[in-house]
């Protein structure tokens, strides 16, 4: 009969800590990605909105448009 020695007590703790750290890093990266995506979409929407506002509010006379 073989006696199976148990692993050191610190080993599972190290694994748990590593898993926790990796999970936190992945979650952080996902959060950053979401913020960046939201910022990009918002910036694009603001740009589109500004462009459409500029087009609709632009004077209809070509002379006024060319002088701006």
N, C-alpha and C. Protein backbone atom coordinates (compact mmCIF):
# COMPACT_ATOMS: atom_id res chain seq x y z
N UNK A 1 0.85 -1.19 0.00
CA UNK A 1 0.00 0.00 0.00
C UNK A 1 0.89 1.24 0.00
N UNK A 2 0.62 2.11 -0.93
CA UNK A 2 1.40 3.34 -1.02
C UNK A 2 0.74 4.44 -0.22
N UNK A 3 1.57 5.22 0.42
CA UNK A 3 1.05 6.36 1.17
C UNK A 3 1.17 7.59 0.26
N UNK A 4 0.04 8.19 -0.03
CA UNK A 4 0.04 9.38 -0.88
C UNK A 4 0.14 10.60 0.03
N UNK A 5 1.23 11.31 -0.13
CA UNK A 5 1.40 12.48 0.72
C UNK A 5 0.57 13.63 0.16
N UNK A 6 0.03 14.40 1.05
CA UNK A 6 -0.79 15.53 0.62
C UNK A 6 0.12 16.66 0.15
N UNK A 7 -0.33 17.46 -0.80
CA UNK A 7 0.50 18.57 -1.27
C UNK A 7 0.65 19.63 -0.18
N UNK A 8 1.66 20.44 -0.27
CA UNK A 8 1.84 21.50 0.74
C UNK A 8 0.60 22.39 0.81
N UNK A 9 0.35 22.91 1.98
CA UNK A 9 -0.84 23.72 2.19
C UNK A 9 -0.81 25.01 1.37
N UNK A 10 0.38 25.49 1.07
CA UNK A 10 0.49 26.76 0.35
C UNK A 10 0.14 26.61 -1.14
N UNK A 11 0.24 25.40 -1.66
CA UNK A 11 0.01 25.19 -3.10
C UNK A 11 -1.41 25.60 -3.55
N UNK A 12 -2.47 25.11 -2.92
CA UNK A 12 -3.81 25.54 -3.35
C UNK A 12 -4.01 27.04 -3.19
N UNK A 13 -3.40 27.60 -2.16
CA UNK A 13 -3.53 29.04 -1.93
C UNK A 13 -2.91 29.81 -3.09
N UNK A 14 -1.74 29.35 -3.53
CA UNK A 14 -1.06 30.01 -4.65
C UNK A 14 -1.91 29.90 -5.92
N UNK A 15 -2.47 28.72 -6.14
CA UNK A 15 -3.32 28.51 -7.32
C UNK A 15 -4.55 29.41 -7.24
N UNK A 16 -5.19 29.44 -6.07
CA UNK A 16 -6.37 30.30 -5.89
C UNK A 16 -6.02 31.77 -6.13
N UNK A 17 -4.89 32.18 -5.60
CA UNK A 17 -4.46 33.57 -5.76
C UNK A 17 -4.21 33.88 -7.23
N UNK A 18 -3.58 32.94 -7.93
CA UNK A 18 -3.30 33.13 -9.36
C UNK A 18 -4.59 33.21 -10.15
N UNK A 19 -5.52 32.29 -9.88
CA UNK A 19 -6.81 32.29 -10.57
C UNK A 19 -7.55 33.60 -10.31
N UNK A 20 -7.52 34.03 -9.05
CA UNK A 20 -8.19 35.29 -8.69
C UNK A 20 -7.55 36.47 -9.43
N UNK A 21 -6.23 36.49 -9.47
CA UNK A 21 -5.53 37.58 -10.15
C UNK A 21 -5.82 37.58 -11.65
N UNK A 22 -5.82 36.39 -12.25
CA UNK A 22 -6.09 36.29 -13.69
C UNK A 22 -7.53 36.70 -13.98
N UNK A 23 -8.46 36.24 -13.15
CA UNK A 23 -9.87 36.60 -13.32
C UNK A 23 -10.05 38.11 -13.20
N UNK A 24 -9.39 38.71 -12.22
CA UNK A 24 -9.48 40.16 -12.03
C UNK A 24 -8.89 40.89 -13.23
N UNK A 25 -7.78 40.39 -13.74
CA UNK A 25 -7.14 41.02 -14.90
C UNK A 25 -8.04 40.94 -16.13
N UNK A 26 -8.67 39.78 -16.33
CA UNK A 26 -9.57 39.61 -17.47
C UNK A 26 -10.78 40.53 -17.33
N UNK A 27 -11.32 40.60 -16.12
CA UNK A 27 -12.48 41.47 -15.87
C UNK A 27 -12.10 42.94 -16.11
N UNK A 28 -10.90 43.30 -15.66
CA UNK A 28 -10.44 44.67 -15.84
C UNK A 28 -10.27 44.98 -17.33
N UNK A 29 -9.68 44.05 -18.06
CA UNK A 29 -9.50 44.24 -19.50
C UNK A 29 -10.84 44.37 -20.21
N UNK A 30 -11.81 43.56 -19.80
CA UNK A 30 -13.15 43.63 -20.40
C UNK A 30 -13.79 44.98 -20.10
N UNK A 31 -13.61 45.46 -18.89
CA UNK A 31 -14.17 46.76 -18.50
C UNK A 31 -13.53 47.88 -19.32
N UNK A 32 -12.20 47.82 -19.48
CA UNK A 32 -11.52 48.83 -20.27
C UNK A 32 -12.02 48.80 -21.72
N UNK A 33 -12.16 47.59 -22.26
CA UNK A 33 -12.64 47.44 -23.64
C UNK A 33 -14.03 48.04 -23.79
N UNK A 34 -14.88 47.79 -22.79
CA UNK A 34 -16.25 48.32 -22.84
C UNK A 34 -16.23 49.84 -22.81
N UNK A 35 -15.38 50.40 -21.96
CA UNK A 35 -15.29 51.87 -21.85
C UNK A 35 -14.77 52.46 -23.16
N UNK A 36 -13.75 51.82 -23.73
CA UNK A 36 -13.17 52.31 -24.99
C UNK A 36 -14.21 52.22 -26.11
N UNK A 37 -14.92 51.10 -26.16
CA UNK A 37 -15.96 50.93 -27.20
C UNK A 37 -17.06 51.97 -27.03
N UNK A 38 -17.48 52.18 -25.79
CA UNK A 38 -18.54 53.16 -25.52
C UNK A 38 -18.07 54.56 -25.92
N UNK A 39 -16.83 54.88 -25.57
CA UNK A 39 -16.26 56.19 -25.90
C UNK A 39 -16.20 56.38 -27.41
N UNK A 40 -15.77 55.33 -28.12
CA UNK A 40 -15.68 55.41 -29.58
C UNK A 40 -17.05 55.61 -30.21
N UNK A 41 -18.03 54.84 -29.74
CA UNK A 41 -19.39 54.94 -30.28
C UNK A 41 -19.96 56.32 -29.97
N UNK A 42 -19.74 56.79 -28.74
CA UNK A 42 -20.24 58.11 -28.35
C UNK A 42 -19.60 59.20 -29.19
N UNK A 43 -18.29 59.11 -29.38
CA UNK A 43 -17.58 60.10 -30.19
C UNK A 43 -18.10 60.10 -31.62
N UNK A 44 -18.33 58.91 -32.16
CA UNK A 44 -18.85 58.80 -33.52
C UNK A 44 -20.25 59.40 -33.61
N UNK A 45 -21.06 59.14 -32.59
CA UNK A 45 -22.43 59.68 -32.57
C UNK A 45 -22.41 61.20 -32.47
N UNK A 46 -21.54 61.72 -31.64
CA UNK A 46 -21.43 63.18 -31.48
C UNK A 46 -20.95 63.80 -32.79
N UNK A 47 -19.98 63.17 -33.42
CA UNK A 47 -19.47 63.68 -34.70
C UNK A 47 -20.57 63.67 -35.75
N UNK A 48 -21.30 62.56 -35.84
CA UNK A 48 -22.39 62.45 -36.82
C UNK A 48 -23.47 63.48 -36.53
N UNK A 49 -23.78 63.65 -35.26
CA UNK A 49 -24.81 64.61 -34.87
C UNK A 49 -24.37 66.03 -35.21
N UNK A 50 -23.13 66.33 -34.92
CA UNK A 50 -22.59 67.67 -35.21
C UNK A 50 -22.59 67.91 -36.72
N UNK A 51 -22.19 66.89 -37.47
CA UNK A 51 -22.15 67.04 -38.93
C UNK A 51 -23.55 67.25 -39.49
N UNK A 52 -24.51 66.49 -39.01
CA UNK A 52 -25.87 66.64 -39.53
C UNK A 52 -26.46 67.99 -39.12
N UNK A 53 -26.12 68.44 -37.92
CA UNK A 53 -26.60 69.75 -37.46
C UNK A 53 -25.99 70.85 -38.32
N UNK A 54 -24.71 70.72 -38.63
CA UNK A 54 -24.03 71.72 -39.45
C UNK A 54 -24.64 71.76 -40.85
N UNK A 55 -24.99 70.60 -41.38
CA UNK A 55 -25.58 70.54 -42.72
C UNK A 55 -26.96 71.16 -42.71
N UNK A 56 -27.78 70.80 -41.72
CA UNK A 56 -29.16 71.31 -41.70
C UNK A 56 -29.22 72.79 -41.35
N UNK A 57 -28.24 73.27 -40.57
CA UNK A 57 -28.29 74.68 -40.17
C UNK A 57 -27.46 75.58 -41.08
N UNK A 58 -26.80 74.97 -42.07
CA UNK A 58 -25.98 75.78 -42.98
C UNK A 58 -26.87 76.66 -43.85
N UNK A 59 -26.42 77.86 -44.11
CA UNK A 59 -27.21 78.75 -44.97
C UNK A 59 -27.34 78.15 -46.37
N UNK A 60 -28.42 78.42 -47.03
CA UNK A 60 -28.67 77.83 -48.34
C UNK A 60 -27.97 78.58 -49.47
N UNK A 61 -27.48 79.76 -49.19
CA UNK A 61 -26.83 80.53 -50.25
C UNK A 61 -25.36 80.14 -50.35
N UNK A 62 -24.88 79.83 -51.55
CA UNK A 62 -23.49 79.40 -51.72
C UNK A 62 -22.48 80.45 -51.26
N UNK A 63 -22.78 81.71 -51.44
CA UNK A 63 -21.85 82.77 -51.06
C UNK A 63 -21.57 82.73 -49.56
N UNK A 64 -22.60 82.53 -48.77
CA UNK A 64 -22.44 82.49 -47.32
C UNK A 64 -21.64 81.26 -46.91
N UNK A 65 -21.83 80.17 -47.61
CA UNK A 65 -21.12 78.93 -47.29
C UNK A 65 -19.64 79.08 -47.60
N UNK A 66 -19.31 79.67 -48.73
CA UNK A 66 -17.90 79.78 -49.13
C UNK A 66 -17.14 80.78 -48.27
N UNK A 67 -17.82 81.74 -47.67
CA UNK A 67 -17.11 82.74 -46.86
C UNK A 67 -16.81 82.22 -45.46
N UNK A 68 -17.43 81.13 -45.03
CA UNK A 68 -17.19 80.64 -43.67
C UNK A 68 -15.92 79.84 -43.58
